[in-house]
């Protein structure tokens, strides 16, 4: 069964290929993706790597968590499932825009 890993504190220069090369030393990599900002197309400083097995995922965490990659100590952990409600202020109404009092 494959296991998805979260990789944080990535240097903005790290690419999908860099992630794959780094993790394939510890097992078969199914996918490696650096998350990009929608507007600027720049790295957001984190990514996800999917490993082929639980044991290769754990091996990657043990070996790579805290190691320096392109000048930054990366964080590697099991990725948490994404939930529908991610918090924030979506659909909360608000916004003001009502009437302003006039000063005479």
N, C-alpha and C. Protein backbone atom coordinates (compact mmCIF):
# COMPACT_ATOMS: atom_id res chain seq x y z
N UNK A 1 0.84 -1.18 0.00
CA UNK A 1 0.00 0.00 0.00
C UNK A 1 0.88 1.24 0.00
N UNK A 2 0.59 2.21 -0.86
CA UNK A 2 1.42 3.40 -0.95
C UNK A 2 1.15 4.35 0.21
N UNK A 3 2.12 5.20 0.47
CA UNK A 3 2.03 6.14 1.58
C UNK A 3 2.47 7.50 1.09
N UNK A 4 1.66 8.53 1.37
CA UNK A 4 1.98 9.89 0.94
C UNK A 4 2.68 10.63 2.07
N UNK A 5 3.77 11.31 1.71
CA UNK A 5 4.56 12.07 2.67
C UNK A 5 4.46 13.56 2.38
N UNK A 6 4.46 14.35 3.45
CA UNK A 6 4.52 15.81 3.35
C UNK A 6 5.98 16.21 3.51
N UNK A 7 6.45 17.10 2.66
CA UNK A 7 7.83 17.60 2.75
C UNK A 7 7.76 19.11 2.85
N UNK A 8 8.16 19.64 4.00
CA UNK A 8 8.07 21.07 4.24
C UNK A 8 9.42 21.74 4.34
N UNK A 9 9.37 23.07 4.34
CA UNK A 9 10.55 23.93 4.44
C UNK A 9 11.51 23.73 3.27
N UNK A 10 10.93 23.53 2.10
CA UNK A 10 11.74 23.36 0.89
C UNK A 10 12.26 24.70 0.39
N UNK A 11 13.46 24.69 -0.12
CA UNK A 11 14.00 25.85 -0.81
C UNK A 11 13.16 26.09 -2.06
N UNK A 12 13.02 27.34 -2.46
CA UNK A 12 12.21 27.66 -3.63
C UNK A 12 12.82 27.13 -4.93
N UNK A 13 14.09 26.71 -4.88
CA UNK A 13 14.75 26.18 -6.08
C UNK A 13 14.50 24.68 -6.28
N UNK A 14 13.95 23.99 -5.28
CA UNK A 14 13.73 22.55 -5.38
C UNK A 14 12.62 22.26 -6.38
N UNK A 15 12.87 21.28 -7.27
CA UNK A 15 11.90 20.91 -8.30
C UNK A 15 11.31 19.53 -8.00
N UNK A 16 10.31 19.15 -8.78
CA UNK A 16 9.73 17.81 -8.66
C UNK A 16 10.82 16.75 -8.84
N UNK A 17 11.69 16.95 -9.81
CA UNK A 17 12.76 15.99 -10.09
C UNK A 17 13.73 15.88 -8.92
N UNK A 18 14.05 17.02 -8.28
CA UNK A 18 14.93 17.00 -7.11
C UNK A 18 14.32 16.15 -5.99
N UNK A 19 13.02 16.34 -5.76
CA UNK A 19 12.33 15.56 -4.72
C UNK A 19 12.38 14.07 -5.03
N UNK A 20 12.08 13.74 -6.27
CA UNK A 20 12.09 12.33 -6.66
C UNK A 20 13.46 11.72 -6.47
N UNK A 21 14.51 12.41 -6.92
CA UNK A 21 15.88 11.91 -6.77
C UNK A 21 16.25 11.71 -5.30
N UNK A 22 15.85 12.64 -4.46
CA UNK A 22 16.16 12.57 -3.04
C UNK A 22 15.50 11.36 -2.38
N UNK A 23 14.24 11.12 -2.72
CA UNK A 23 13.48 10.06 -2.04
C UNK A 23 13.69 8.68 -2.65
N UNK A 24 14.07 8.59 -3.91
CA UNK A 24 14.22 7.26 -4.53
C UNK A 24 15.39 6.47 -3.95
N UNK A 25 16.24 7.13 -3.20
CA UNK A 25 17.33 6.44 -2.52
C UNK A 25 16.80 5.55 -1.39
N UNK A 26 15.53 5.77 -1.01
CA UNK A 26 14.95 5.06 0.14
C UNK A 26 13.79 4.17 -0.24
N UNK A 27 13.54 4.02 -1.54
CA UNK A 27 12.46 3.15 -1.99
C UNK A 27 11.84 3.67 -3.28
N UNK A 28 10.87 2.93 -3.78
CA UNK A 28 10.22 3.31 -5.04
C UNK A 28 9.31 4.52 -4.84
N UNK A 29 9.53 5.55 -5.66
CA UNK A 29 8.72 6.76 -5.61
C UNK A 29 7.63 6.66 -6.68
N UNK A 30 6.39 6.78 -6.26
CA UNK A 30 5.27 6.76 -7.20
C UNK A 30 5.07 8.14 -7.81
N UNK A 31 5.15 9.18 -6.97
CA UNK A 31 5.02 10.55 -7.47
C UNK A 31 5.74 11.51 -6.53
N UNK A 32 6.19 12.64 -7.08
CA UNK A 32 6.83 13.69 -6.30
C UNK A 32 6.38 15.02 -6.89
N UNK A 33 5.82 15.89 -6.05
CA UNK A 33 5.26 17.15 -6.54
C UNK A 33 5.54 18.29 -5.58
N UNK A 34 6.21 19.33 -6.09
CA UNK A 34 6.38 20.58 -5.35
C UNK A 34 5.14 21.42 -5.64
N UNK A 35 4.52 21.95 -4.60
CA UNK A 35 3.30 22.73 -4.77
C UNK A 35 3.66 24.16 -5.17
N UNK A 36 3.02 24.62 -6.25
CA UNK A 36 3.29 25.95 -6.79
C UNK A 36 2.15 26.91 -6.47
N UNK A 37 2.49 28.19 -6.30
CA UNK A 37 1.50 29.23 -6.08
C UNK A 37 0.70 29.43 -7.37
N UNK A 38 -0.59 29.50 -7.25
CA UNK A 38 -1.48 29.61 -8.40
C UNK A 38 -1.24 30.89 -9.21
N UNK A 39 -0.96 31.99 -8.51
CA UNK A 39 -0.81 33.28 -9.18
C UNK A 39 0.59 33.52 -9.74
N UNK A 40 1.62 33.17 -8.98
CA UNK A 40 3.00 33.49 -9.39
C UNK A 40 3.73 32.32 -10.01
N UNK A 41 3.18 31.10 -9.87
CA UNK A 41 3.81 29.89 -10.38
C UNK A 41 5.16 29.60 -9.72
N UNK A 42 5.38 30.19 -8.53
CA UNK A 42 6.58 29.92 -7.73
C UNK A 42 6.28 28.86 -6.69
N UNK A 43 7.30 28.18 -6.25
CA UNK A 43 7.15 27.18 -5.19
C UNK A 43 6.56 27.82 -3.94
N UNK A 44 5.70 27.06 -3.25
CA UNK A 44 5.16 27.53 -1.98
C UNK A 44 5.98 27.01 -0.80
N UNK A 45 7.07 26.28 -1.10
CA UNK A 45 7.97 25.83 -0.05
C UNK A 45 7.61 24.48 0.56
N UNK A 46 6.68 23.76 -0.08
CA UNK A 46 6.37 22.42 0.40
C UNK A 46 5.95 21.55 -0.76
N UNK A 47 5.89 20.25 -0.51
CA UNK A 47 5.50 19.32 -1.56
C UNK A 47 5.06 17.99 -0.97
N UNK A 48 4.75 17.06 -1.86
CA UNK A 48 4.29 15.74 -1.45
C UNK A 48 5.03 14.68 -2.26
N UNK A 49 5.37 13.59 -1.59
CA UNK A 49 6.01 12.45 -2.24
C UNK A 49 5.20 11.22 -1.87
N UNK A 50 4.85 10.43 -2.87
CA UNK A 50 4.13 9.19 -2.62
C UNK A 50 5.09 8.03 -2.81
N UNK A 51 5.27 7.27 -1.73
CA UNK A 51 6.17 6.12 -1.75
C UNK A 51 5.35 4.85 -1.95
N UNK A 52 5.98 3.81 -2.50
CA UNK A 52 5.27 2.58 -2.86
C UNK A 52 4.86 1.74 -1.66
N UNK A 53 5.53 1.90 -0.52
CA UNK A 53 5.20 1.06 0.64
C UNK A 53 5.35 1.85 1.93
N UNK A 54 4.73 1.33 2.98
CA UNK A 54 4.85 1.95 4.29
C UNK A 54 6.29 1.92 4.79
N UNK A 55 6.98 0.82 4.51
CA UNK A 55 8.36 0.69 5.01
C UNK A 55 9.30 1.68 4.31
N UNK A 56 9.12 1.90 3.02
CA UNK A 56 9.98 2.87 2.33
C UNK A 56 9.62 4.30 2.75
N UNK A 57 8.36 4.53 3.07
CA UNK A 57 7.96 5.85 3.58
C UNK A 57 8.62 6.11 4.93
N UNK A 58 8.57 5.13 5.82
CA UNK A 58 9.17 5.30 7.14
C UNK A 58 10.68 5.44 7.04
N UNK A 59 11.29 4.69 6.15
CA UNK A 59 12.73 4.79 5.92
C UNK A 59 13.10 6.20 5.46
N UNK A 60 12.29 6.77 4.57
CA UNK A 60 12.52 8.13 4.07
C UNK A 60 12.41 9.15 5.19
N UNK A 61 11.39 9.00 6.03
CA UNK A 61 11.22 9.93 7.16
C UNK A 61 12.43 9.86 8.08
N UNK A 62 12.82 8.64 8.44
CA UNK A 62 13.95 8.45 9.36
C UNK A 62 15.24 9.04 8.79
N UNK A 63 15.46 8.86 7.50
CA UNK A 63 16.71 9.29 6.89
C UNK A 63 16.73 10.78 6.52
N UNK A 64 15.58 11.34 6.13
CA UNK A 64 15.60 12.68 5.54
C UNK A 64 15.07 13.81 6.42
N UNK A 65 14.24 13.49 7.41
CA UNK A 65 13.69 14.55 8.25
C UNK A 65 14.80 15.30 8.97
N UNK A 66 14.85 16.60 8.77
CA UNK A 66 15.88 17.43 9.39
C UNK A 66 17.15 17.60 8.59
N UNK A 67 17.27 16.89 7.47
CA UNK A 67 18.49 17.03 6.67
C UNK A 67 18.43 18.31 5.83
N UNK A 68 19.60 18.80 5.48
CA UNK A 68 19.68 20.03 4.71
C UNK A 68 19.65 19.74 3.21
N UNK A 69 18.74 20.43 2.52
CA UNK A 69 18.61 20.31 1.07
C UNK A 69 18.59 21.72 0.49
N UNK A 70 19.59 22.04 -0.31
CA UNK A 70 19.72 23.36 -0.93
C UNK A 70 19.62 24.49 0.10
N UNK A 71 20.30 24.28 1.24
CA UNK A 71 20.41 25.33 2.24
C UNK A 71 19.31 25.37 3.29
N UNK A 72 18.37 24.44 3.27
CA UNK A 72 17.28 24.43 4.25
C UNK A 72 17.11 23.04 4.86
N UNK A 73 16.83 23.00 6.15
CA UNK A 73 16.56 21.73 6.84
C UNK A 73 15.10 21.37 6.56
N UNK A 74 14.89 20.29 5.82
CA UNK A 74 13.53 19.92 5.42
C UNK A 74 12.81 19.14 6.53
N UNK A 75 11.49 19.20 6.50
CA UNK A 75 10.63 18.43 7.41
C UNK A 75 9.92 17.38 6.60
N UNK A 76 10.01 16.13 7.03
CA UNK A 76 9.35 15.04 6.33
C UNK A 76 8.45 14.31 7.31
N UNK A 77 7.17 14.15 6.96
CA UNK A 77 6.23 13.45 7.82
C UNK A 77 5.13 12.81 6.97
N UNK A 78 4.34 11.96 7.60
CA UNK A 78 3.19 11.36 6.92
C UNK A 78 2.20 12.48 6.62
N UNK A 79 1.71 12.53 5.39
CA UNK A 79 0.75 13.57 5.00
C UNK A 79 -0.59 13.29 5.66
N UNK A 80 -1.24 14.35 6.11
CA UNK A 80 -2.56 14.22 6.69
C UNK A 80 -3.60 14.27 5.58
N UNK A 81 -4.70 13.56 5.77
CA UNK A 81 -5.78 13.59 4.79
C UNK A 81 -6.36 14.98 4.70
N UNK A 82 -6.65 15.41 3.49
CA UNK A 82 -7.26 16.71 3.28
C UNK A 82 -8.74 16.62 3.62
N UNK A 83 -9.23 17.59 4.37
CA UNK A 83 -10.65 17.58 4.73
C UNK A 83 -11.40 18.63 3.93
N UNK A 84 -12.70 18.47 3.85
CA UNK A 84 -13.53 19.43 3.11
C UNK A 84 -13.47 20.81 3.74
N UNK A 85 -13.65 20.87 5.07
CA UNK A 85 -13.64 22.16 5.74
C UNK A 85 -12.22 22.49 6.16
N UNK A 86 -11.61 23.42 5.43
CA UNK A 86 -10.23 23.79 5.73
C UNK A 86 -10.17 25.08 6.55
N UNK A 87 -11.28 25.48 7.14
CA UNK A 87 -11.28 26.68 7.97
C UNK A 87 -11.34 27.93 7.12
N UNK A 88 -10.97 29.04 7.69
CA UNK A 88 -10.97 30.29 6.96
C UNK A 88 -12.34 30.96 7.01
N UNK A 89 -12.54 31.91 6.14
CA UNK A 89 -13.75 32.71 6.19
C UNK A 89 -14.61 32.55 4.95
N UNK A 90 -14.47 31.45 4.26
CA UNK A 90 -15.31 31.22 3.09
C UNK A 90 -16.77 31.20 3.48
N UNK A 91 -17.61 31.72 2.63
CA UNK A 91 -19.06 31.69 2.81
C UNK A 91 -19.51 32.20 4.16
N UNK A 92 -18.78 33.14 4.73
CA UNK A 92 -19.15 33.62 6.06
C UNK A 92 -19.98 34.88 6.01
N UNK A 93 -20.31 35.33 4.80
CA UNK A 93 -21.09 36.57 4.72
C UNK A 93 -20.20 37.73 5.02
N UNK A 94 -20.61 38.55 5.97
CA UNK A 94 -19.79 39.68 6.39
C UNK A 94 -19.53 40.63 5.24
N UNK A 95 -18.59 41.48 5.40
CA UNK A 95 -18.18 42.34 4.31
C UNK A 95 -18.63 43.77 4.41
N UNK A 96 -19.52 44.09 5.33
CA UNK A 96 -19.91 45.49 5.50
C UNK A 96 -20.53 46.06 4.24
N UNK A 97 -20.11 47.24 3.85
CA UNK A 97 -20.60 47.87 2.63
C UNK A 97 -21.95 48.55 2.81
N UNK A 98 -22.44 48.56 4.02
CA UNK A 98 -23.75 49.16 4.29
C UNK A 98 -23.73 50.67 4.12
N UNK A 99 -24.49 51.34 4.94
CA UNK A 99 -24.61 52.79 4.86
C UNK A 99 -23.56 53.46 5.72
N UNK A 100 -23.09 54.59 5.22
CA UNK A 100 -22.16 55.39 6.01
C UNK A 100 -22.92 56.62 6.49
N UNK A 101 -22.62 57.02 7.69
CA UNK A 101 -23.25 58.23 8.21
C UNK A 101 -22.61 59.43 7.55
N UNK A 102 -23.44 60.37 7.18
CA UNK A 102 -22.91 61.61 6.60
C UNK A 102 -22.59 62.57 7.72
N UNK A 103 -21.51 63.27 7.57
CA UNK A 103 -21.17 64.32 8.52
C UNK A 103 -21.62 65.64 7.93
N UNK A 104 -22.32 66.42 8.73
CA UNK A 104 -22.78 67.75 8.27
C UNK A 104 -22.07 68.83 8.99
